[in-house]
N, C-alpha and C. Protein backbone atom coordinates (compact mmCIF):
# COMPACT_ATOMS: atom_id res chain seq x y z
N MET A 1 -0.75 77.96 11.70
CA MET A 1 -2.65 77.21 11.25
C MET A 1 -2.10 75.86 11.48
N LYS A 2 -3.01 74.97 12.23
CA LYS A 2 -3.21 73.46 12.71
C LYS A 2 -3.63 72.85 11.42
N LYS A 3 -3.45 71.89 10.53
CA LYS A 3 -4.81 71.49 10.03
C LYS A 3 -5.08 70.50 10.75
N LYS A 4 -6.27 69.99 10.60
CA LYS A 4 -7.11 69.57 11.22
C LYS A 4 -7.17 67.85 10.89
N ASN A 5 -7.77 66.87 11.54
CA ASN A 5 -7.43 65.76 10.63
C ASN A 5 -9.07 65.35 11.09
N SER A 6 -8.85 65.17 9.26
CA SER A 6 -11.11 64.82 9.10
C SER A 6 -11.13 63.06 9.01
N ARG A 7 -10.76 62.88 9.40
CA ARG A 7 -10.89 61.05 9.81
C ARG A 7 -12.12 61.11 11.37
N ASN A 8 -12.76 60.27 11.21
CA ASN A 8 -13.55 60.11 12.53
C ASN A 8 -12.82 59.21 12.83
N LYS A 9 -13.67 59.40 14.44
CA LYS A 9 -12.54 57.95 15.39
C LYS A 9 -13.16 56.97 14.87
N SER A 10 -14.16 56.43 14.27
CA SER A 10 -14.79 55.17 13.59
C SER A 10 -13.29 54.48 12.57
N GLU A 11 -13.29 55.44 12.42
CA GLU A 11 -12.37 54.52 10.76
C GLU A 11 -10.77 54.52 11.35
N LYS A 12 -10.09 54.95 12.60
CA LYS A 12 -8.88 54.96 13.24
C LYS A 12 -8.32 52.88 13.22
N GLY A 13 -9.09 52.37 13.22
CA GLY A 13 -8.88 50.52 13.44
C GLY A 13 -8.89 49.90 12.39
N ILE A 14 -9.76 50.71 11.02
CA ILE A 14 -10.07 50.49 9.70
C ILE A 14 -8.76 49.65 8.86
N THR A 15 -7.50 50.26 8.99
CA THR A 15 -6.49 49.04 8.05
C THR A 15 -6.04 48.17 9.18
N LEU A 16 -5.96 47.85 10.54
CA LEU A 16 -5.80 47.16 11.44
C LEU A 16 -6.79 46.02 11.14
N LEU A 17 -7.47 46.14 11.02
CA LEU A 17 -9.09 44.84 10.62
C LEU A 17 -8.81 44.34 9.11
N LEU A 18 -8.58 45.53 8.18
CA LEU A 18 -8.20 45.34 6.82
C LEU A 18 -7.09 44.39 6.78
N VAL A 19 -6.02 44.54 7.94
CA VAL A 19 -5.10 43.33 7.34
C VAL A 19 -5.43 42.11 8.45
N VAL A 20 -5.62 41.94 9.18
CA VAL A 20 -6.32 41.06 10.22
C VAL A 20 -6.98 40.06 9.13
N VAL A 21 -8.66 40.72 8.22
CA VAL A 21 -8.67 40.16 7.18
C VAL A 21 -7.79 39.34 6.20
N ILE A 22 -7.23 40.35 5.28
CA ILE A 22 -6.11 39.45 4.56
C ILE A 22 -5.46 38.68 4.89
N LEU A 23 -4.56 39.18 5.78
CA LEU A 23 -3.14 37.81 6.26
C LEU A 23 -4.37 36.16 6.92
N SER A 24 -5.90 36.25 7.14
CA SER A 24 -6.70 35.04 7.52
C SER A 24 -6.97 34.69 6.49
N ALA A 25 -7.16 35.46 5.64
CA ALA A 25 -7.45 34.28 4.04
C ALA A 25 -6.49 33.82 2.98
N LEU A 26 -5.44 34.67 3.18
CA LEU A 26 -3.55 33.52 2.86
C LEU A 26 -3.47 32.83 3.63
N SER A 27 -3.53 32.71 5.09
CA SER A 27 -3.47 32.01 5.94
C SER A 27 -4.59 30.16 5.22
N SER A 28 -6.12 30.70 5.20
CA SER A 28 -7.00 29.55 4.34
C SER A 28 -6.39 29.15 3.33
N VAL A 29 -5.84 30.21 2.54
CA VAL A 29 -5.49 29.41 1.29
C VAL A 29 -4.41 28.58 1.13
N SER A 30 -3.34 28.63 2.08
CA SER A 30 -1.97 28.06 2.14
C SER A 30 -1.93 26.67 2.65
N LEU A 31 -2.84 26.81 3.76
CA LEU A 31 -2.94 25.42 4.79
C LEU A 31 -4.12 24.37 3.41
N GLY A 32 -5.33 25.30 3.04
CA GLY A 32 -6.00 24.48 1.86
C GLY A 32 -4.81 23.59 1.13
N ILE A 33 -3.81 24.60 0.20
CA ILE A 33 -2.62 23.81 -0.65
C ILE A 33 -1.91 23.09 0.08
N PHE A 34 -1.27 22.81 1.26
CA PHE A 34 -1.19 22.56 1.71
C PHE A 34 -1.48 20.62 1.86
N ASN A 35 -2.58 21.30 2.48
CA ASN A 35 -3.54 20.32 2.25
C ASN A 35 -3.77 18.90 1.67
N ILE A 36 -4.11 19.62 0.04
CA ILE A 36 -3.37 18.93 -0.90
C ILE A 36 -2.10 18.01 -1.57
N ILE A 37 -1.38 19.34 -0.94
CA ILE A 37 0.19 18.67 -1.32
C ILE A 37 0.36 17.40 -0.65
N TYR A 38 0.14 17.39 0.50
CA TYR A 38 0.46 16.35 1.97
C TYR A 38 -0.67 15.25 1.24
N GLY A 39 -1.81 15.34 1.06
CA GLY A 39 -2.26 14.15 0.62
C GLY A 39 -1.94 13.48 -0.64
N GLN A 40 -1.40 14.42 -1.83
CA GLN A 40 -0.94 14.05 -2.67
C GLN A 40 0.35 13.03 -2.10
N ILE A 41 1.82 12.92 -1.48
CA ILE A 41 2.16 12.78 -1.45
C ILE A 41 2.19 11.49 -0.28
N LYS A 42 1.38 11.36 0.47
CA LYS A 42 0.60 9.90 1.26
C LYS A 42 0.28 9.13 0.25
N ILE A 43 -0.62 9.53 -0.82
CA ILE A 43 -0.75 8.74 -2.03
C ILE A 43 0.44 8.14 -2.55
N SER A 44 1.17 8.83 -2.77
CA SER A 44 2.54 8.47 -4.08
C SER A 44 2.87 7.72 -3.01
N GLY A 45 3.33 7.67 -1.75
CA GLY A 45 3.62 6.35 -0.76
C GLY A 45 3.38 5.46 -0.79
N GLU A 46 2.04 5.08 -0.52
CA GLU A 46 1.39 4.27 -0.70
C GLU A 46 0.84 3.13 -1.81
N ILE A 47 1.42 3.70 -2.81
CA ILE A 47 2.16 3.26 -4.81
C ILE A 47 3.07 2.84 -5.08
N ALA A 48 3.98 3.35 -4.07
CA ALA A 48 5.05 2.32 -3.61
C ALA A 48 5.52 0.94 -3.69
N ASP A 49 4.30 1.60 -2.06
CA ASP A 49 4.25 0.07 -0.91
C ASP A 49 3.34 -0.88 -1.89
N SER A 50 2.67 -0.17 -2.79
CA SER A 50 1.38 -0.97 -3.23
C SER A 50 2.41 -1.92 -4.39
N ALA A 51 3.41 -1.45 -5.22
CA ALA A 51 4.58 -2.27 -5.57
C ALA A 51 4.78 -2.98 -5.21
N THR A 52 5.54 -3.12 -4.03
CA THR A 52 6.40 -3.84 -3.53
C THR A 52 5.46 -5.26 -3.11
N ALA A 53 4.50 -4.95 -2.22
CA ALA A 53 3.19 -6.01 -2.31
C ALA A 53 3.39 -6.77 -3.81
N PHE A 54 3.14 -6.07 -4.01
CA PHE A 54 2.40 -7.05 -5.80
C PHE A 54 3.70 -8.08 -6.44
N TYR A 55 4.95 -6.88 -6.55
CA TYR A 55 6.27 -7.89 -6.78
C TYR A 55 6.48 -9.05 -5.61
N SER A 56 6.32 -8.60 -4.54
CA SER A 56 6.39 -10.05 -4.01
C SER A 56 5.66 -11.00 -3.64
N ALA A 57 4.07 -10.38 -3.69
CA ALA A 57 2.86 -11.61 -4.30
C ALA A 57 3.34 -12.51 -5.61
N GLU A 58 3.86 -11.71 -6.97
CA GLU A 58 4.36 -12.51 -8.69
C GLU A 58 5.13 -13.36 -8.46
N GLN A 59 6.42 -12.89 -6.96
CA GLN A 59 8.12 -13.42 -7.00
C GLN A 59 6.95 -15.01 -6.16
N GLY A 60 6.45 -14.84 -5.47
CA GLY A 60 5.77 -16.18 -4.77
C GLY A 60 4.95 -17.19 -5.68
N VAL A 61 4.05 -16.93 -6.70
CA VAL A 61 3.53 -17.27 -7.79
C VAL A 61 4.81 -17.62 -8.79
N GLU A 62 5.44 -17.67 -9.04
CA GLU A 62 6.18 -17.32 -9.77
C GLU A 62 7.43 -19.15 -9.30
N LYS A 63 7.55 -18.74 -7.65
CA LYS A 63 8.75 -19.84 -7.49
C LYS A 63 7.49 -21.33 -6.79
N THR A 64 6.57 -21.21 -6.69
CA THR A 64 5.84 -21.80 -6.52
C THR A 64 5.60 -22.90 -7.78
N LEU A 65 5.30 -22.22 -8.70
CA LEU A 65 4.57 -22.24 -9.91
C LEU A 65 6.29 -23.95 -10.87
N TYR A 66 7.36 -22.69 -10.21
CA TYR A 66 8.33 -23.61 -10.76
C TYR A 66 8.81 -24.94 -10.24
N LEU A 67 8.60 -24.17 -8.64
CA LEU A 67 8.93 -26.43 -7.77
C LEU A 67 7.85 -27.42 -7.64
N ASP A 68 6.66 -27.16 -8.24
CA ASP A 68 5.22 -27.66 -8.88
C ASP A 68 6.10 -28.76 -10.06
N ARG A 69 6.63 -27.42 -10.76
CA ARG A 69 7.21 -28.19 -12.40
C ARG A 69 8.30 -29.17 -12.43
N THR A 70 9.09 -28.64 -11.54
CA THR A 70 9.98 -29.03 -10.89
C THR A 70 10.04 -31.00 -10.17
N SER A 71 8.21 -30.17 -9.46
CA SER A 71 8.44 -31.57 -8.19
C SER A 71 7.65 -32.88 -9.34
N TYR A 72 7.38 -33.34 -10.48
CA TYR A 72 6.73 -33.61 -10.97
C TYR A 72 7.27 -35.34 -11.33
N LYS A 73 8.99 -34.80 -11.17
CA LYS A 73 9.75 -35.55 -11.74
C LYS A 73 9.81 -36.81 -10.52
N THR A 74 9.27 -36.57 -9.20
CA THR A 74 9.53 -37.20 -8.22
C THR A 74 8.14 -37.82 -7.57
N ASN A 75 7.46 -36.71 -7.40
CA ASN A 75 6.64 -36.90 -6.57
C ASN A 75 4.48 -36.82 -8.03
N PRO A 76 3.82 -37.60 -7.89
CA PRO A 76 2.74 -37.83 -8.50
C PRO A 76 1.82 -36.17 -8.76
N TYR A 77 1.51 -35.84 -7.68
CA TYR A 77 1.32 -34.57 -7.38
C TYR A 77 2.08 -32.84 -7.58
N GLY A 78 3.06 -33.28 -7.53
CA GLY A 78 4.16 -32.24 -7.71
C GLY A 78 4.14 -31.23 -6.73
N ILE A 79 4.53 -30.29 -6.42
CA ILE A 79 4.73 -29.28 -4.89
C ILE A 79 4.06 -30.21 -3.88
N CYS A 80 3.11 -30.85 -3.78
CA CYS A 80 1.77 -31.43 -2.61
C CYS A 80 2.47 -32.76 -2.57
N GLY A 81 3.15 -33.34 -3.00
CA GLY A 81 4.63 -34.73 -3.01
C GLY A 81 2.90 -36.05 -2.95
N SER A 82 2.71 -37.29 -2.41
CA SER A 82 1.92 -38.03 -2.72
C SER A 82 0.56 -37.98 -2.95
N THR A 83 0.45 -36.55 -1.66
CA THR A 83 -1.09 -36.74 -1.01
C THR A 83 -1.66 -35.56 -1.84
N PRO A 84 -2.83 -35.61 -2.70
CA PRO A 84 -3.01 -34.21 -2.62
C PRO A 84 -4.13 -33.31 -1.27
N GLY A 85 -4.52 -32.26 -1.08
CA GLY A 85 -5.82 -31.82 0.15
C GLY A 85 -4.89 -29.67 0.15
N PHE A 86 -6.09 -30.01 1.21
CA PHE A 86 -5.73 -28.27 1.02
C PHE A 86 -5.32 -28.08 2.91
N PRO A 87 -4.19 -27.14 2.78
CA PRO A 87 -3.49 -26.62 1.81
C PRO A 87 -1.92 -28.20 1.68
N CYS A 88 -1.68 -28.54 0.82
CA CYS A 88 -0.84 -29.32 0.71
C CYS A 88 0.60 -28.93 0.63
N TYR A 89 0.80 -27.37 0.66
CA TYR A 89 1.71 -26.68 0.81
C TYR A 89 1.36 -25.34 1.03
N SER A 90 2.37 -25.24 2.16
CA SER A 90 1.51 -23.78 2.31
C SER A 90 3.57 -23.33 2.87
N GLU A 91 3.36 -21.84 3.24
CA GLU A 91 5.15 -21.01 3.31
C GLU A 91 3.92 -19.45 4.17
N SER A 92 4.36 -19.27 5.56
CA SER A 92 4.02 -17.79 5.75
C SER A 92 5.19 -17.07 5.86
N GLN A 93 5.47 -15.44 5.81
CA GLN A 93 5.73 -14.71 6.02
C GLN A 93 7.48 -14.86 5.41
N THR A 94 7.51 -15.28 4.10
CA THR A 94 8.59 -15.70 2.87
C THR A 94 9.57 -14.31 3.15
N GLU A 95 10.33 -14.25 3.05
CA GLU A 95 11.40 -13.03 2.71
C GLU A 95 11.26 -12.75 1.29
N SER A 96 11.17 -11.53 0.26
CA SER A 96 11.09 -12.05 -1.05
C SER A 96 12.26 -10.72 -1.18
N VAL A 97 12.35 -10.81 -2.54
CA VAL A 97 14.08 -9.65 -3.52
C VAL A 97 13.76 -8.20 -3.11
N SER A 98 11.69 -8.14 -3.50
CA SER A 98 11.36 -7.00 -3.64
C SER A 98 11.98 -6.38 -2.46
N GLY A 99 11.72 -6.52 -1.42
CA GLY A 99 11.73 -6.12 0.16
C GLY A 99 10.72 -6.35 0.94
N GLY A 100 9.31 -6.68 0.53
CA GLY A 100 8.27 -7.56 1.16
C GLY A 100 8.35 -9.47 1.49
N CYS A 101 7.33 -9.32 2.10
CA CYS A 101 7.07 -11.37 2.39
C CYS A 101 5.87 -11.67 1.03
N TYR A 102 5.29 -12.96 1.64
CA TYR A 102 4.20 -13.11 1.27
C TYR A 102 3.58 -14.84 1.44
N ASP A 103 2.61 -14.97 1.16
CA ASP A 103 2.21 -15.84 1.75
C ASP A 103 1.29 -17.04 1.00
N LEU A 104 1.85 -18.16 0.80
CA LEU A 104 0.93 -18.39 0.02
C LEU A 104 0.52 -19.85 0.64
N ALA A 105 -0.70 -20.70 -0.08
CA ALA A 105 -1.24 -22.35 0.32
C ALA A 105 -1.90 -22.56 -1.21
N VAL A 106 -0.84 -24.10 -1.33
CA VAL A 106 -1.29 -24.80 -2.73
C VAL A 106 -2.57 -25.81 -2.06
N ASN A 107 -3.35 -25.51 -3.40
CA ASN A 107 -4.33 -27.14 -2.96
C ASN A 107 -4.30 -28.19 -4.16
N LYS A 108 -4.02 -29.49 -3.92
CA LYS A 108 -4.32 -29.79 -5.58
C LYS A 108 -5.51 -31.48 -5.63
N ASP A 109 -6.38 -31.26 -5.84
CA ASP A 109 -7.62 -32.43 -5.84
C ASP A 109 -6.94 -33.68 -6.47
N ALA A 110 -7.44 -34.38 -6.47
CA ALA A 110 -7.03 -35.90 -7.19
C ALA A 110 -7.36 -35.98 -8.70
N GLY A 111 -8.29 -34.68 -9.42
CA GLY A 111 -8.62 -34.98 -10.89
C GLY A 111 -7.25 -33.69 -11.52
N GLY A 112 -6.52 -32.47 -10.53
CA GLY A 112 -4.60 -33.25 -11.28
C GLY A 112 -5.79 -31.48 -11.00
N THR A 113 -5.89 -30.79 -10.27
CA THR A 113 -6.41 -29.35 -10.67
C THR A 113 -5.87 -28.65 -9.36
N THR A 114 -5.42 -27.62 -9.82
CA THR A 114 -4.04 -26.86 -8.67
C THR A 114 -4.72 -25.70 -8.56
N ASP A 115 -4.60 -25.13 -7.03
CA ASP A 115 -5.15 -23.76 -6.51
C ASP A 115 -3.75 -23.61 -5.93
N ILE A 116 -3.67 -21.70 -6.01
CA ILE A 116 -2.47 -21.17 -6.15
C ILE A 116 -3.05 -20.23 -5.29
N LYS A 117 -3.07 -19.92 -4.03
CA LYS A 117 -3.13 -18.63 -3.46
C LYS A 117 -2.10 -17.47 -2.42
N VAL A 118 -1.54 -16.47 -3.69
CA VAL A 118 -0.76 -16.08 -2.67
C VAL A 118 -0.81 -14.21 -2.04
N LEU A 119 -0.51 -13.46 -1.23
CA LEU A 119 -0.76 -12.35 -0.11
C LEU A 119 0.38 -11.58 -0.20
N GLY A 120 1.16 -10.88 -1.34
CA GLY A 120 2.21 -10.09 -1.22
C GLY A 120 1.95 -9.17 -0.05
N GLN A 121 2.75 -8.69 0.85
CA GLN A 121 2.56 -7.49 1.83
C GLN A 121 3.87 -7.08 2.40
N TYR A 122 3.98 -6.15 1.94
CA TYR A 122 4.87 -4.55 2.37
C TYR A 122 4.81 -4.20 3.78
N ARG A 123 6.05 -4.48 4.33
CA ARG A 123 6.05 -3.86 6.22
C ARG A 123 5.70 -5.24 6.69
N CYS A 124 6.46 -6.18 6.63
CA CYS A 124 6.40 -7.93 7.15
C CYS A 124 6.77 -8.19 8.39
N GLY A 125 6.11 -8.45 9.54
CA GLY A 125 6.96 -8.37 10.87
C GLY A 125 5.30 -8.25 12.01
N ILE A 126 6.27 -8.11 12.98
CA ILE A 126 4.88 -7.86 13.68
C ILE A 126 4.85 -6.79 13.84
N ASN A 127 3.35 -6.11 14.06
CA ASN A 127 3.08 -5.28 14.07
C ASN A 127 3.33 -4.13 13.42
N PRO A 128 3.34 -3.54 11.88
CA PRO A 128 3.64 -3.18 11.24
C PRO A 128 2.76 -1.76 10.92
N LEU A 129 3.15 -0.69 10.70
CA LEU A 129 2.32 0.44 11.23
C LEU A 129 0.83 0.31 10.21
N ARG A 130 1.82 0.37 8.35
CA ARG A 130 0.41 0.43 7.64
C ARG A 130 0.90 -1.16 6.75
N VAL A 131 -0.63 -1.67 6.58
CA VAL A 131 0.16 -2.93 5.76
C VAL A 131 -0.49 -2.50 4.75
N VAL A 132 0.28 -3.14 3.21
CA VAL A 132 -0.41 -2.97 2.00
C VAL A 132 -0.49 -3.97 1.44
N LYS A 133 -1.62 -5.09 1.25
CA LYS A 133 -1.39 -6.67 0.60
C LYS A 133 -2.25 -5.71 -0.81
N ARG A 134 -1.12 -6.98 -1.18
CA ARG A 134 -1.87 -7.24 -2.76
C ARG A 134 -1.42 -9.26 -3.28
N GLY A 135 -2.45 -9.75 -3.85
CA GLY A 135 -2.70 -11.09 -4.01
C GLY A 135 -3.33 -11.51 -5.25
N PHE A 136 -2.91 -12.67 -5.73
CA PHE A 136 -2.97 -13.49 -6.77
C PHE A 136 -3.92 -14.87 -6.49
N GLY A 137 -4.93 -14.97 -6.77
CA GLY A 137 -5.09 -16.66 -7.56
C GLY A 137 -5.04 -16.50 -8.83
N LEU A 138 -4.21 -18.43 -8.39
CA LEU A 138 -4.39 -19.10 -9.68
C LEU A 138 -5.02 -20.29 -9.81
N THR A 139 -5.43 -21.00 -10.70
CA THR A 139 -6.08 -22.43 -10.93
C THR A 139 -5.87 -22.87 -12.18
N TYR A 140 -4.82 -23.76 -12.29
CA TYR A 140 -4.54 -23.94 -13.66
C TYR A 140 -4.62 -26.37 -13.67
């Protein structure tokens, strides 16, 4: 005696459909997790670039303050020489020890007030792919 198959013709493809639905759900979850991880890796890279730009700007500030203090022995306006103005002293794309570079401008007025603006940058040069900048402004 032959055993009859009790399945209907409409039930024959249900297993394949169920497998496709489960694989689609797993793929969606995997893609979402990948997106989150990729975003976190990108953010952590930007933090490192930001630190390099920050330390480049800090180096520019420290160097300028040192030059200004040591220049008062020979010049009445320190780093600016004998005449104040804006910018009386400037540097552009100066390489720093931290691997970045900085731009700076110094302004001294006749009253003795000094303004220093320094902008540190990571990945200096012509056409860097991604630029991260951090800056300082000092008045004394």
